[in-house]
Amino acid sequence: MTLRDCAEVSELHGERFARRWNDGEFESLLLQPSTFGLVARQSNARIFRPPLAGFVLAREVAGEAEILTIAVQERSARMGFGWRLMLAAMREAHHRGGQSMFLEVDDGNRAAISLYGKLGFEVAGKRPAYYADAQGRKSAALVMKRDLG
């Protein structure tokens, strides 16, 4: 992910989450040395800049990595983009010195929880009433962890 991707990434974030992060928030995070982002695009040889299929934003500090956010276009769901983005983020975090990786996921997001479980993440804790949807309903966040070593 580069600064050039931030507007497109912000738009996708807004489609997939109740609270959209704006492109300035993504830019600010990418400018931090500990943070990195990856994008996936639908490949099409006829298009110079293929459409965004998904992204992941993560950071690694003092041996601990964290997935800050990840999203895949609805039309690209179940095509392996989330899987590949997570694997790439785990590799990059480990390369940067990460020994473990954490993430938070809405306890009602069964597809994401299943994906993370298949990738070796386990529930390490729960944060009640952490997320709010567009109607203000609250849901818990599961804190999940996986060793990278």
N, C-alpha and C. Protein backbone atom coordinates (compact mmCIF):
# COMPACT_ATOMS: atom_id res chain seq x y z
N MET A 1 0.85 -1.16 0.00
CA MET A 1 0.00 0.00 0.00
C MET A 1 0.90 1.23 0.00
N THR A 2 0.55 2.16 -0.84
CA THR A 2 1.27 3.44 -0.89
C THR A 2 0.28 4.56 -0.58
N LEU A 3 0.79 5.75 -0.42
CA LEU A 3 -0.08 6.90 -0.17
C LEU A 3 -1.08 7.08 -1.32
N ARG A 4 -0.67 6.70 -2.50
CA ARG A 4 -1.55 6.80 -3.69
C ARG A 4 -2.79 5.91 -3.55
N ASP A 5 -2.72 4.86 -2.77
CA ASP A 5 -3.83 3.92 -2.59
C ASP A 5 -4.84 4.37 -1.54
N CYS A 6 -4.50 5.36 -0.73
CA CYS A 6 -5.29 5.67 0.47
C CYS A 6 -6.74 6.05 0.20
N ALA A 7 -7.02 6.83 -0.84
CA ALA A 7 -8.41 7.21 -1.12
C ALA A 7 -9.25 5.98 -1.47
N GLU A 8 -8.70 5.11 -2.30
CA GLU A 8 -9.40 3.89 -2.70
C GLU A 8 -9.59 2.94 -1.51
N VAL A 9 -8.57 2.83 -0.68
CA VAL A 9 -8.63 1.99 0.51
C VAL A 9 -9.68 2.53 1.48
N SER A 10 -9.72 3.85 1.66
CA SER A 10 -10.70 4.47 2.54
C SER A 10 -12.13 4.21 2.05
N GLU A 11 -12.32 4.28 0.75
CA GLU A 11 -13.64 4.02 0.18
C GLU A 11 -14.08 2.58 0.48
N LEU A 12 -13.19 1.62 0.26
CA LEU A 12 -13.51 0.22 0.56
C LEU A 12 -13.77 0.04 2.05
N HIS A 13 -12.97 0.67 2.89
CA HIS A 13 -13.17 0.57 4.33
C HIS A 13 -14.58 1.03 4.70
N GLY A 14 -15.03 2.13 4.09
CA GLY A 14 -16.36 2.65 4.37
C GLY A 14 -17.48 1.73 3.91
N GLU A 15 -17.22 0.95 2.87
CA GLU A 15 -18.22 -0.01 2.38
C GLU A 15 -18.34 -1.21 3.31
N ARG A 16 -17.28 -1.53 4.03
CA ARG A 16 -17.25 -2.76 4.82
C ARG A 16 -17.41 -2.55 6.32
N PHE A 17 -17.22 -1.31 6.80
CA PHE A 17 -17.29 -1.03 8.23
C PHE A 17 -18.23 0.13 8.52
N ALA A 18 -18.84 0.12 9.71
CA ALA A 18 -19.78 1.17 10.10
C ALA A 18 -19.10 2.53 10.19
N ARG A 19 -17.85 2.56 10.68
CA ARG A 19 -17.12 3.82 10.75
C ARG A 19 -15.97 3.80 9.76
N ARG A 20 -16.10 4.61 8.74
CA ARG A 20 -15.08 4.70 7.69
C ARG A 20 -13.88 5.48 8.19
N TRP A 21 -12.69 4.93 7.93
CA TRP A 21 -11.47 5.69 8.17
C TRP A 21 -11.23 6.51 6.90
N ASN A 22 -10.94 7.81 7.05
CA ASN A 22 -10.73 8.62 5.86
C ASN A 22 -9.31 8.43 5.33
N ASP A 23 -9.09 8.93 4.11
CA ASP A 23 -7.78 8.71 3.49
C ASP A 23 -6.66 9.37 4.28
N GLY A 24 -6.94 10.46 4.98
CA GLY A 24 -5.93 11.10 5.82
C GLY A 24 -5.50 10.20 6.98
N GLU A 25 -6.44 9.44 7.54
CA GLU A 25 -6.10 8.51 8.62
C GLU A 25 -5.18 7.40 8.09
N PHE A 26 -5.51 6.89 6.92
CA PHE A 26 -4.64 5.85 6.33
C PHE A 26 -3.26 6.43 6.01
N GLU A 27 -3.22 7.64 5.45
CA GLU A 27 -1.94 8.27 5.13
C GLU A 27 -1.10 8.46 6.40
N SER A 28 -1.73 8.96 7.45
CA SER A 28 -1.03 9.19 8.71
C SER A 28 -0.44 7.89 9.26
N LEU A 29 -1.22 6.82 9.21
CA LEU A 29 -0.71 5.53 9.69
C LEU A 29 0.43 5.01 8.82
N LEU A 30 0.29 5.13 7.51
CA LEU A 30 1.35 4.64 6.61
C LEU A 30 2.67 5.39 6.78
N LEU A 31 2.60 6.62 7.21
CA LEU A 31 3.82 7.41 7.40
C LEU A 31 4.58 7.01 8.66
N GLN A 32 3.97 6.22 9.54
CA GLN A 32 4.65 5.74 10.73
C GLN A 32 5.55 4.57 10.34
N PRO A 33 6.80 4.57 10.77
CA PRO A 33 7.73 3.51 10.37
C PRO A 33 7.31 2.10 10.79
N SER A 34 6.53 1.99 11.83
CA SER A 34 6.13 0.67 12.32
C SER A 34 4.94 0.09 11.56
N THR A 35 4.29 0.89 10.74
CA THR A 35 3.06 0.48 10.06
C THR A 35 3.33 0.14 8.60
N PHE A 36 2.63 -0.87 8.12
CA PHE A 36 2.73 -1.24 6.71
C PHE A 36 1.36 -1.69 6.21
N GLY A 37 1.15 -1.52 4.94
CA GLY A 37 -0.11 -1.94 4.34
C GLY A 37 0.15 -2.68 3.04
N LEU A 38 -0.78 -3.55 2.71
CA LEU A 38 -0.70 -4.32 1.48
C LEU A 38 -2.04 -4.24 0.78
N VAL A 39 -2.03 -4.18 -0.55
CA VAL A 39 -3.26 -4.18 -1.31
C VAL A 39 -3.27 -5.36 -2.27
N ALA A 40 -4.47 -5.81 -2.59
CA ALA A 40 -4.66 -6.85 -3.61
C ALA A 40 -5.56 -6.25 -4.68
N ARG A 41 -5.22 -6.54 -5.90
CA ARG A 41 -6.01 -6.02 -7.03
C ARG A 41 -6.42 -7.17 -7.93
N GLN A 42 -7.61 -7.03 -8.51
CA GLN A 42 -8.06 -8.00 -9.51
C GLN A 42 -7.14 -7.81 -10.71
N SER A 43 -6.48 -8.86 -11.14
CA SER A 43 -5.56 -8.71 -12.26
C SER A 43 -6.33 -8.71 -13.57
N ASN A 44 -5.94 -7.80 -14.43
CA ASN A 44 -6.52 -7.68 -15.75
C ASN A 44 -5.48 -6.99 -16.62
N ALA A 45 -4.92 -7.71 -17.54
CA ALA A 45 -3.81 -7.19 -18.35
C ALA A 45 -4.19 -5.97 -19.17
N ARG A 46 -5.47 -5.75 -19.42
CA ARG A 46 -5.89 -4.62 -20.26
C ARG A 46 -6.02 -3.32 -19.48
N ILE A 47 -6.00 -3.39 -18.15
CA ILE A 47 -6.19 -2.20 -17.32
C ILE A 47 -4.87 -1.86 -16.64
N PHE A 48 -4.47 -0.60 -16.74
CA PHE A 48 -3.22 -0.17 -16.13
C PHE A 48 -3.25 -0.31 -14.62
N ARG A 49 -4.33 0.12 -13.99
CA ARG A 49 -4.47 0.04 -12.53
C ARG A 49 -5.75 -0.72 -12.22
N PRO A 50 -5.63 -2.04 -12.08
CA PRO A 50 -6.82 -2.86 -11.83
C PRO A 50 -7.54 -2.44 -10.55
N PRO A 51 -8.83 -2.75 -10.47
CA PRO A 51 -9.60 -2.36 -9.29
C PRO A 51 -9.12 -3.05 -8.01
N LEU A 52 -9.27 -2.33 -6.93
CA LEU A 52 -8.88 -2.83 -5.62
C LEU A 52 -9.79 -3.99 -5.22
N ALA A 53 -9.19 -5.11 -4.84
CA ALA A 53 -9.96 -6.27 -4.36
C ALA A 53 -9.95 -6.30 -2.84
N GLY A 54 -8.89 -5.81 -2.22
CA GLY A 54 -8.81 -5.82 -0.76
C GLY A 54 -7.52 -5.19 -0.28
N PHE A 55 -7.43 -5.05 1.03
CA PHE A 55 -6.22 -4.48 1.65
C PHE A 55 -6.10 -4.96 3.07
N VAL A 56 -4.91 -4.82 3.62
CA VAL A 56 -4.65 -5.05 5.04
C VAL A 56 -3.69 -3.97 5.51
N LEU A 57 -3.92 -3.48 6.71
CA LEU A 57 -3.04 -2.50 7.34
C LEU A 57 -2.62 -3.08 8.68
N ALA A 58 -1.32 -3.09 8.94
CA ALA A 58 -0.79 -3.72 10.15
C ALA A 58 0.39 -2.91 10.68
N ARG A 59 0.83 -3.27 11.87
CA ARG A 59 2.05 -2.66 12.41
C ARG A 59 2.77 -3.69 13.27
N GLU A 60 4.06 -3.44 13.44
CA GLU A 60 4.90 -4.29 14.29
C GLU A 60 5.72 -3.37 15.18
N VAL A 61 5.63 -3.60 16.49
CA VAL A 61 6.39 -2.82 17.46
C VAL A 61 6.90 -3.77 18.55
N ALA A 62 8.19 -3.75 18.77
CA ALA A 62 8.81 -4.48 19.89
C ALA A 62 8.41 -5.95 19.92
N GLY A 63 8.37 -6.57 18.75
CA GLY A 63 8.09 -8.00 18.69
C GLY A 63 6.63 -8.39 18.61
N GLU A 64 5.73 -7.41 18.75
CA GLU A 64 4.31 -7.70 18.65
C GLU A 64 3.73 -7.00 17.43
N ALA A 65 3.00 -7.76 16.64
CA ALA A 65 2.35 -7.23 15.45
C ALA A 65 0.85 -7.19 15.68
N GLU A 66 0.19 -6.31 14.94
CA GLU A 66 -1.25 -6.16 15.07
C GLU A 66 -1.85 -5.85 13.71
N ILE A 67 -2.93 -6.53 13.39
CA ILE A 67 -3.72 -6.18 12.22
C ILE A 67 -4.61 -5.02 12.64
N LEU A 68 -4.42 -3.87 12.02
CA LEU A 68 -5.22 -2.70 12.36
C LEU A 68 -6.58 -2.76 11.67
N THR A 69 -6.59 -3.16 10.41
CA THR A 69 -7.83 -3.33 9.66
C THR A 69 -7.54 -4.13 8.39
N ILE A 70 -8.56 -4.83 7.95
CA ILE A 70 -8.48 -5.60 6.71
C ILE A 70 -9.87 -5.61 6.09
N ALA A 71 -9.93 -5.52 4.78
CA ALA A 71 -11.22 -5.56 4.09
C ALA A 71 -11.02 -6.12 2.69
N VAL A 72 -12.04 -6.82 2.22
CA VAL A 72 -12.08 -7.35 0.86
C VAL A 72 -13.40 -6.91 0.25
N GLN A 73 -13.36 -6.49 -1.02
CA GLN A 73 -14.58 -6.11 -1.72
C GLN A 73 -15.59 -7.24 -1.64
N GLU A 74 -16.85 -6.89 -1.51
CA GLU A 74 -17.90 -7.91 -1.44
C GLU A 74 -17.87 -8.81 -2.68
N ARG A 75 -17.66 -8.20 -3.86
CA ARG A 75 -17.64 -8.99 -5.10
C ARG A 75 -16.41 -9.90 -5.21
N SER A 76 -15.41 -9.65 -4.35
CA SER A 76 -14.19 -10.46 -4.36
C SER A 76 -14.13 -11.44 -3.19
N ALA A 77 -15.19 -11.46 -2.39
CA ALA A 77 -15.22 -12.35 -1.22
C ALA A 77 -15.16 -13.80 -1.66
N ARG A 78 -14.57 -14.62 -0.81
CA ARG A 78 -14.45 -16.07 -1.02
C ARG A 78 -13.64 -16.43 -2.27
N MET A 79 -12.71 -15.54 -2.63
CA MET A 79 -11.80 -15.80 -3.74
C MET A 79 -10.36 -15.94 -3.27
N GLY A 80 -10.15 -15.94 -1.95
CA GLY A 80 -8.82 -16.13 -1.40
C GLY A 80 -8.03 -14.86 -1.14
N PHE A 81 -8.62 -13.70 -1.39
CA PHE A 81 -7.88 -12.45 -1.18
C PHE A 81 -7.59 -12.22 0.30
N GLY A 82 -8.57 -12.44 1.17
CA GLY A 82 -8.34 -12.25 2.60
C GLY A 82 -7.26 -13.17 3.11
N TRP A 83 -7.30 -14.43 2.68
CA TRP A 83 -6.30 -15.43 3.06
C TRP A 83 -4.90 -14.97 2.66
N ARG A 84 -4.76 -14.58 1.39
CA ARG A 84 -3.44 -14.17 0.89
C ARG A 84 -2.95 -12.88 1.54
N LEU A 85 -3.86 -11.94 1.78
CA LEU A 85 -3.47 -10.70 2.45
C LEU A 85 -2.98 -10.99 3.87
N MET A 86 -3.69 -11.86 4.58
CA MET A 86 -3.28 -12.20 5.95
C MET A 86 -1.92 -12.91 5.96
N LEU A 87 -1.72 -13.87 5.05
CA LEU A 87 -0.43 -14.57 4.99
C LEU A 87 0.70 -13.58 4.70
N ALA A 88 0.46 -12.67 3.77
CA ALA A 88 1.49 -11.69 3.43
C ALA A 88 1.77 -10.76 4.61
N ALA A 89 0.72 -10.35 5.33
CA ALA A 89 0.92 -9.48 6.50
C ALA A 89 1.69 -10.21 7.60
N MET A 90 1.39 -11.49 7.80
CA MET A 90 2.11 -12.26 8.82
C MET A 90 3.58 -12.41 8.44
N ARG A 91 3.85 -12.67 7.17
CA ARG A 91 5.25 -12.77 6.70
C ARG A 91 5.99 -11.46 6.91
N GLU A 92 5.36 -10.37 6.51
CA GLU A 92 6.01 -9.06 6.65
C GLU A 92 6.25 -8.71 8.12
N ALA A 93 5.25 -8.98 8.96
CA ALA A 93 5.41 -8.70 10.39
C ALA A 93 6.55 -9.53 10.98
N HIS A 94 6.63 -10.79 10.60
CA HIS A 94 7.72 -11.65 11.09
C HIS A 94 9.06 -11.14 10.59
N HIS A 95 9.11 -10.74 9.33
CA HIS A 95 10.33 -10.19 8.74
C HIS A 95 10.79 -8.94 9.51
N ARG A 96 9.85 -8.17 10.02
CA ARG A 96 10.16 -6.96 10.77
C ARG A 96 10.49 -7.24 12.23
N GLY A 97 10.41 -8.50 12.63
CA GLY A 97 10.77 -8.86 14.00
C GLY A 97 9.60 -9.29 14.87
N GLY A 98 8.43 -9.37 14.30
CA GLY A 98 7.26 -9.77 15.07
C GLY A 98 7.32 -11.23 15.50
N GLN A 99 7.08 -11.46 16.78
CA GLN A 99 7.04 -12.83 17.31
C GLN A 99 5.60 -13.33 17.43
N SER A 100 4.66 -12.40 17.57
CA SER A 100 3.25 -12.76 17.66
C SER A 100 2.43 -11.68 16.97
N MET A 101 1.21 -12.05 16.60
CA MET A 101 0.32 -11.11 15.94
C MET A 101 -1.04 -11.16 16.63
N PHE A 102 -1.63 -9.99 16.80
CA PHE A 102 -2.94 -9.84 17.40
C PHE A 102 -3.89 -9.20 16.40
N LEU A 103 -5.17 -9.41 16.62
CA LEU A 103 -6.20 -8.72 15.86
C LEU A 103 -7.46 -8.70 16.69
N GLU A 104 -8.37 -7.82 16.33
CA GLU A 104 -9.68 -7.77 16.96
C GLU A 104 -10.71 -7.98 15.88
N VAL A 105 -11.77 -8.72 16.21
CA VAL A 105 -12.82 -9.02 15.24
C VAL A 105 -14.16 -9.01 15.96
N ASP A 106 -15.16 -8.48 15.30
CA ASP A 106 -16.51 -8.47 15.84
C ASP A 106 -16.94 -9.91 16.08
N ASP A 107 -17.45 -10.18 17.27
CA ASP A 107 -17.80 -11.57 17.61
C ASP A 107 -18.95 -12.12 16.76
N GLY A 108 -19.61 -11.27 16.00
CA GLY A 108 -20.66 -11.73 15.09
C GLY A 108 -20.19 -11.96 13.67
N ASN A 109 -18.94 -11.67 13.39
CA ASN A 109 -18.40 -11.82 12.03
C ASN A 109 -17.86 -13.24 11.86
N ARG A 110 -18.75 -14.17 11.65
CA ARG A 110 -18.40 -15.59 11.58
C ARG A 110 -17.41 -15.91 10.46
N ALA A 111 -17.55 -15.26 9.31
CA ALA A 111 -16.64 -15.54 8.19
C ALA A 111 -15.20 -15.16 8.56
N ALA A 112 -15.03 -13.99 9.16
CA ALA A 112 -13.68 -13.55 9.55
C ALA A 112 -13.12 -14.43 10.66
N ILE A 113 -13.94 -14.77 11.64
CA ILE A 113 -13.48 -15.62 12.74
C ILE A 113 -13.03 -16.98 12.20
N SER A 114 -13.78 -17.51 11.24
CA SER A 114 -13.41 -18.79 10.63
C SER A 114 -12.07 -18.67 9.89
N LEU A 115 -11.91 -17.61 9.11
CA LEU A 115 -10.66 -17.39 8.39
C LEU A 115 -9.49 -17.30 9.36
N TYR A 116 -9.62 -16.51 10.40
CA TYR A 116 -8.53 -16.34 11.35
C TYR A 116 -8.21 -17.65 12.08
N GLY A 117 -9.24 -18.41 12.39
CA GLY A 117 -9.03 -19.71 13.02
C GLY A 117 -8.24 -20.65 12.12
N LYS A 118 -8.57 -20.66 10.83
CA LYS A 118 -7.85 -21.50 9.87
C LYS A 118 -6.39 -21.07 9.72
N LEU A 119 -6.14 -19.79 9.99
CA LEU A 119 -4.77 -19.27 9.92
C LEU A 119 -4.00 -19.47 11.22
N GLY A 120 -4.63 -20.10 12.22
CA GLY A 120 -3.94 -20.41 13.46
C GLY A 120 -4.16 -19.42 14.59
N PHE A 121 -5.03 -18.44 14.41
CA PHE A 121 -5.32 -17.50 15.48
C PHE A 121 -6.26 -18.15 16.48
N GLU A 122 -6.05 -17.82 17.74
CA GLU A 122 -6.90 -18.32 18.82
C GLU A 122 -7.40 -17.15 19.65
N VAL A 123 -8.59 -17.30 20.22
CA VAL A 123 -9.16 -16.24 21.04
C VAL A 123 -8.32 -16.08 22.31
N ALA A 124 -7.89 -14.84 22.55
CA ALA A 124 -7.07 -14.53 23.72
C ALA A 124 -7.80 -13.65 24.71
N GLY A 125 -8.95 -13.11 24.29
CA GLY A 125 -9.71 -12.24 25.18
C GLY A 125 -10.95 -11.72 24.48
N LYS A 126 -11.74 -10.97 25.23
CA LYS A 126 -12.99 -10.41 24.69
C LYS A 126 -13.19 -9.02 25.25
N ARG A 127 -13.62 -8.09 24.40
CA ARG A 127 -13.91 -6.72 24.82
C ARG A 127 -15.41 -6.47 24.62
N PRO A 128 -16.17 -6.45 25.69
CA PRO A 128 -17.62 -6.26 25.56
C PRO A 128 -17.96 -4.88 25.00
N ALA A 129 -19.04 -4.82 24.23
CA ALA A 129 -19.57 -3.55 23.70
C ALA A 129 -18.49 -2.69 23.04
N TYR A 130 -17.62 -3.30 22.28
CA TYR A 130 -16.48 -2.61 21.67
C TYR A 130 -16.86 -1.94 20.35
N TYR A 131 -17.64 -2.62 19.53
CA TYR A 131 -18.05 -2.10 18.23
C TYR A 131 -19.47 -1.57 18.28
N ALA A 132 -19.77 -0.61 17.43
CA ALA A 132 -21.15 -0.12 17.26
C ALA A 132 -21.46 -0.12 15.77
N ASP A 133 -22.65 -0.63 15.40
CA ASP A 133 -23.03 -0.61 13.99
C ASP A 133 -23.68 0.74 13.66
N ALA A 134 -24.17 0.88 12.44
CA ALA A 134 -24.75 2.15 11.99
C ALA A 134 -25.96 2.56 12.81
N GLN A 135 -26.66 1.61 13.43
CA GLN A 135 -27.81 1.92 14.26
C GLN A 135 -27.44 2.10 15.74
N GLY A 136 -26.16 2.01 16.05
CA GLY A 136 -25.69 2.20 17.41
C GLY A 136 -25.71 0.94 18.28
N ARG A 137 -26.09 -0.21 17.69
CA ARG A 137 -26.08 -1.46 18.46
C ARG A 137 -24.63 -1.85 18.74
N LYS A 138 -24.39 -2.30 19.94
CA LYS A 138 -23.04 -2.67 20.37
C LYS A 138 -22.81 -4.17 20.24
N SER A 139 -21.58 -4.53 19.91
CA SER A 139 -21.17 -5.93 19.88
C SER A 139 -19.77 -6.04 20.45
N ALA A 140 -19.43 -7.24 20.85
CA ALA A 140 -18.12 -7.48 21.48
C ALA A 140 -17.05 -7.70 20.42
N ALA A 141 -15.84 -7.43 20.81
CA ALA A 141 -14.67 -7.74 19.98
C ALA A 141 -13.96 -8.93 20.60
N LEU A 142 -13.63 -9.89 19.76
CA LEU A 142 -12.75 -10.98 20.18
C LEU A 142 -11.33 -10.54 19.89
N VAL A 143 -10.46 -10.69 20.86
CA VAL A 143 -9.03 -10.44 20.65
C VAL A 143 -8.44 -11.81 20.32
N MET A 144 -7.79 -11.90 19.17
CA MET A 144 -7.21 -13.16 18.73
C MET A 144 -5.71 -13.01 18.57
N LYS A 145 -4.99 -14.10 18.80
CA LYS A 145 -3.53 -14.07 18.77
C LYS A 145 -2.99 -15.30 18.05
N ARG A 146 -1.84 -15.08 17.43
CA ARG A 146 -1.13 -16.19 16.78
C ARG A 146 0.36 -15.93 16.90
N ASP A 147 1.13 -16.97 17.21
CA ASP A 147 2.58 -16.85 17.19
C ASP A 147 3.06 -16.84 15.76
N LEU A 148 4.12 -16.06 15.49
CA LEU A 148 4.66 -15.95 14.15
C LEU A 148 5.97 -16.71 13.98
N GLY A 149 6.56 -17.14 15.08
CA GLY A 149 7.87 -17.78 15.03
C GLY A 149 7.88 -19.19 14.60
